[in-house]
C-alpha atoms as a PDB file:
ATOM      1  CA  MET A   1     137.679 148.861 -28.025  1.00  0.00           C
ATOM      2  CA  ILE A   2     135.794 145.580 -27.615  1.00  0.00           C
ATOM      3  CA  ARG A   3     137.293 144.260 -30.859  1.00  0.00           C
ATOM      4  CA  LEU A   4     140.800 145.046 -29.589  1.00  0.00           C
ATOM      5  CA  LEU A   5     140.257 143.506 -26.152  1.00  0.00           C
ATOM      6  CA  LYS A   6     138.344 140.385 -27.243  1.00  0.00           C
ATOM      7  CA  PRO A   7     141.487 138.277 -27.954  1.00  0.00           C
ATOM      8  CA  LEU A   8     143.026 139.384 -24.643  1.00  0.00           C
ATOM      9  CA  ALA A   9     140.299 139.193 -22.025  1.00  0.00           C
ATOM     10  CA  HIS A  10     137.202 137.276 -20.967  1.00  0.00           C
ATOM     11  CA  ASP A  11     133.880 138.998 -21.794  1.00  0.00           C
ATOM     12  CA  ASP A  12     133.024 139.835 -18.147  1.00  0.00           C
ATOM     13  CA  THR A  13     136.424 141.466 -17.638  1.00  0.00           C
ATOM     14  CA  ILE A  14     136.013 143.548 -20.791  1.00  0.00           C
ATOM     15  CA  GLN A  15     132.537 144.696 -19.736  1.00  0.00           C
ATOM     16  CA  ALA A  16     133.693 145.681 -16.235  1.00  0.00           C
ATOM     17  CA  ASN A  17     136.494 147.810 -17.694  1.00  0.00           C
ATOM     18  CA  LEU A  18     134.186 149.404 -20.259  1.00  0.00           C
ATOM     19  CA  ASN A  19     131.688 150.303 -17.533  1.00  0.00           C
ATOM     20  CA  PHE A  20     134.444 151.989 -15.535  1.00  0.00           C
ATOM     21  CA  MET A  21     135.762 153.855 -18.587  1.00  0.00           C
ATOM     22  CA  ALA A  22     132.260 154.979 -19.611  1.00  0.00           C
ATOM     23  CA  HIS A  23     131.794 156.621 -16.201  1.00  0.00           C
ATOM     24  CA  TRP A  24     135.027 158.605 -16.603  1.00  0.00           C
ATOM     25  CA  ARG A  25     134.351 159.445 -20.250  1.00  0.00           C
ATOM     26  CA  ALA A  26     130.849 160.761 -19.431  1.00  0.00           C
ATOM     27  CA  LYS A  27     132.436 163.198 -16.971  1.00  0.00           C
ATOM     28  CA  GLY A  28     135.232 164.148 -19.398  1.00  0.00           C
ATOM     29  CA  TRP A  29     137.892 162.732 -17.064  1.00  0.00           C
ATOM     30  CA  ARG A  30     141.236 161.189 -18.011  1.00  0.00           C
ATOM     31  CA  ASP A  31     144.417 160.301 -16.185  1.00  0.00           C
ATOM     32  CA  SER A  32     147.544 162.403 -16.401  1.00  0.00           C
ATOM     33  CA  GLY A  33     151.031 161.968 -15.016  1.00  0.00           C
ATOM     34  CA  THR A  34     153.294 158.989 -14.501  1.00  0.00           C
ATOM     35  CA  ILE A  35     152.541 155.514 -13.170  1.00  0.00           C
ATOM     36  CA  THR A  36     155.584 153.310 -12.552  1.00  0.00           C
ATOM     37  CA  THR A  37     155.604 149.534 -12.083  1.00  0.00           C
ATOM     38  CA  LEU A  38     157.940 148.798  -9.173  1.00  0.00           C
ATOM     39  CA  SER A  39     157.538 145.040  -8.816  1.00  0.00           C
ATOM     40  CA  GLU A  40     155.985 142.147 -10.688  1.00  0.00           C
ATOM     41  CA  GLU A  41     155.736 138.403 -10.239  1.00  0.00           C
ATOM     42  CA  THR A  42     153.967 135.448 -11.786  1.00  0.00           C
ATOM     43  CA  SER A  43     152.945 132.177 -10.265  1.00  0.00           C
ATOM     44  CA  LYS A  44     151.412 129.117 -11.828  1.00  0.00           C
ATOM     45  CA  SER A  45     148.254 128.494  -9.847  1.00  0.00           C
ATOM     46  CA  ASP A  46     146.393 125.447 -10.977  1.00  0.00           C
ATOM     47  CA  VAL A  47     144.861 123.580 -13.878  1.00  0.00           C
ATOM     48  CA  PRO A  48     141.195 124.701 -14.090  1.00  0.00           C
ATOM     49  CA  SER A  49     140.407 121.985 -16.658  1.00  0.00           C
ATOM     50  CA  PRO A  50     142.404 119.294 -18.492  1.00  0.00           C
ATOM     51  CA  GLY A  51     145.072 120.888 -20.686  1.00  0.00           C
ATOM     52  CA  ALA A  52     144.339 124.415 -19.448  1.00  0.00           C
ATOM     53  CA  THR A  53     146.818 126.652 -17.632  1.00  0.00           C
ATOM     54  CA  ARG A  54     146.026 129.315 -15.042  1.00  0.00           C
ATOM     55  CA  VAL A  55     148.636 131.877 -13.987  1.00  0.00           C
ATOM     56  CA  THR A  56     148.410 134.686 -11.464  1.00  0.00           C
ATOM     57  CA  VAL A  57     150.274 137.875 -12.357  1.00  0.00           C
ATOM     58  CA  THR A  58     150.790 140.377  -9.537  1.00  0.00           C
ATOM     59  CA  PHE A  59     152.387 143.776  -9.851  1.00  0.00           C
ATOM     60  CA  CYS A  60     152.734 146.829  -7.675  1.00  0.00           C
ATOM     61  CA  ARG A  61     152.600 150.356  -9.071  1.00  0.00           C
ATOM     62  CA  ASP A  62     153.583 153.763  -7.785  1.00  0.00           C
ATOM     63  CA  GLN A  63     150.788 156.129  -8.831  1.00  0.00           C
ATOM     64  CA  SER A  64     151.836 159.053  -6.613  1.00  0.00           C
ATOM     65  CA  ARG A  65     152.652 161.205  -9.663  1.00  0.00           C
ATOM     66  CA  ALA A  66     149.350 160.508 -11.443  1.00  0.00           C
ATOM     67  CA  GLU A  67     146.112 162.407 -11.157  1.00  0.00           C
ATOM     68  CA  VAL A  68     142.698 162.592 -12.751  1.00  0.00           C
ATOM     69  CA  VAL A  69     142.016 165.694 -14.843  1.00  0.00           C
ATOM     70  CA  ASP A  70     138.918 167.028 -16.571  1.00  0.00           C
ATOM     71  CA  ALA A  71     138.513 167.933 -20.247  1.00  0.00           C
ATOM     72  CA  GLN A  72     140.323 171.246 -19.634  1.00  0.00           C
ATOM     73  CA  GLY A  73     143.260 169.502 -17.932  1.00  0.00           C
ATOM     74  CA  LYS A  74     142.262 170.755 -14.474  1.00  0.00           C
ATOM     75  CA  ARG A  75     142.750 168.368 -11.521  1.00  0.00           C
ATOM     76  CA  VAL A  76     139.542 166.611 -10.447  1.00  0.00           C
ATOM     77  CA  THR A  77     139.235 166.762  -6.667  1.00  0.00           C
ATOM     78  CA  ALA A  78     136.284 164.361  -6.248  1.00  0.00           C
ATOM     79  CA  GLN A  79     137.190 161.508  -3.910  1.00  0.00           C
ATOM     80  CA  ALA A  80     135.993 158.952  -6.497  1.00  0.00           C
ATOM     81  CA  ALA A  81     138.647 160.247  -8.913  1.00  0.00           C
ATOM     82  CA  GLN A  82     141.676 159.943  -6.639  1.00  0.00           C
ATOM     83  CA  PHE A  83     144.422 157.413  -7.295  1.00  0.00           C
ATOM     84  CA  PRO A  84     145.966 155.708  -4.272  1.00  0.00           C
ATOM     85  CA  ASP A  85     149.730 156.341  -4.144  1.00  0.00           C
ATOM     86  CA  PHE A  86     150.479 152.613  -4.414  1.00  0.00           C
ATOM     87  CA  ILE A  87     148.321 149.794  -5.740  1.00  0.00           C
ATOM     88  CA  ARG A  88     148.894 146.044  -5.931  1.00  0.00           C
ATOM     89  CA  SER A  89     147.012 144.496  -8.846  1.00  0.00           C
ATOM     90  CA  THR A  90     146.414 140.835  -9.507  1.00  0.00           C
ATOM     91  CA  TYR A  91     145.454 139.400 -12.878  1.00  0.00           C
ATOM     92  CA  ASP A  92     144.068 135.875 -13.241  1.00  0.00           C
ATOM     93  CA  VAL A  93     145.074 134.795 -16.747  1.00  0.00           C
ATOM     94  CA  ARG A  94     144.165 131.492 -18.360  1.00  0.00           C
ATOM     95  CA  ARG A  95     144.904 129.574 -21.500  1.00  0.00           C
ATOM     96  CA  LEU A  96     142.451 126.880 -22.458  1.00  0.00           C
ATOM     97  CA  ALA A  97     143.765 123.643 -23.935  1.00  0.00           C
ATOM     98  CA  GLU A  98     142.808 124.584 -27.497  1.00  0.00           C
ATOM     99  CA  ALA A  99     143.918 128.243 -27.249  1.00  0.00           C
ATOM    100  CA  LYS A 100     147.263 129.662 -28.360  1.00  0.00           C
ATOM    101  CA  THR A 101     147.207 132.697 -26.053  1.00  0.00           C
ATOM    102  CA  PHE A 102     146.302 133.565 -22.488  1.00  0.00           C
ATOM    103  CA  LYS A 103     143.218 135.681 -21.680  1.00  0.00           C
ATOM    104  CA  VAL A 104     142.587 137.842 -18.632  1.00  0.00           C
ATOM    105  CA  TYR A 105     139.702 136.351 -16.654  1.00  0.00           C
ATOM    106  CA  GLU A 106     139.707 138.489 -13.536  1.00  0.00           C
ATOM    107  CA  ILE A 107     141.406 141.622 -12.214  1.00  0.00           C
ATOM    108  CA  GLY A 108     141.718 142.671  -8.603  1.00  0.00           C
ATOM    109  CA  GLY A 109     143.474 145.519  -6.879  1.00  0.00           C
ATOM    110  CA  GLU A 110     144.135 146.904  -3.455  1.00  0.00           C
ATOM    111  CA  GLU A 111     145.717 150.036  -2.072  1.00  0.00           C
ATOM    112  CA  VAL A 112     148.993 149.313  -0.254  1.00  0.00           C
ATOM    113  CA  ASP A 113     151.478 151.431   1.718  1.00  0.00           C
ATOM    114  CA  GLY A 114     154.342 150.801  -0.696  1.00  0.00           C
ATOM    115  CA  CYS A 115     155.915 148.328  -3.081  1.00  0.00           C
ATOM    116  CA  ALA A 116     158.832 146.018  -2.304  1.00  0.00           C
ATOM    117  CA  GLN A 117     161.489 146.247  -4.980  1.00  0.00           C
END
């Protein structure tokens, strides 16, 4: 997984996601159902260093039809395993002057009441 993510994300971002996934995997949990992206937008933020580009990508997802299940496919009822119905996620992506592609540097998310379409 690290080899696949390395060209796409900064090391700290990869490690944070792996830590989260390891917790679920150790419990035998996985997600099931449908998650739908309802809105998305990008905005050019700033120039973190000469020749570099930083862009913020924000999207809102409806997760009301998704749930966490255990290895037997049974719904996990633990509070820590519950998806909020709607989540707004923000990705800070950057391309350094010498790079050909953008990398994810930071991810944030917050539960919201709904998504504007």
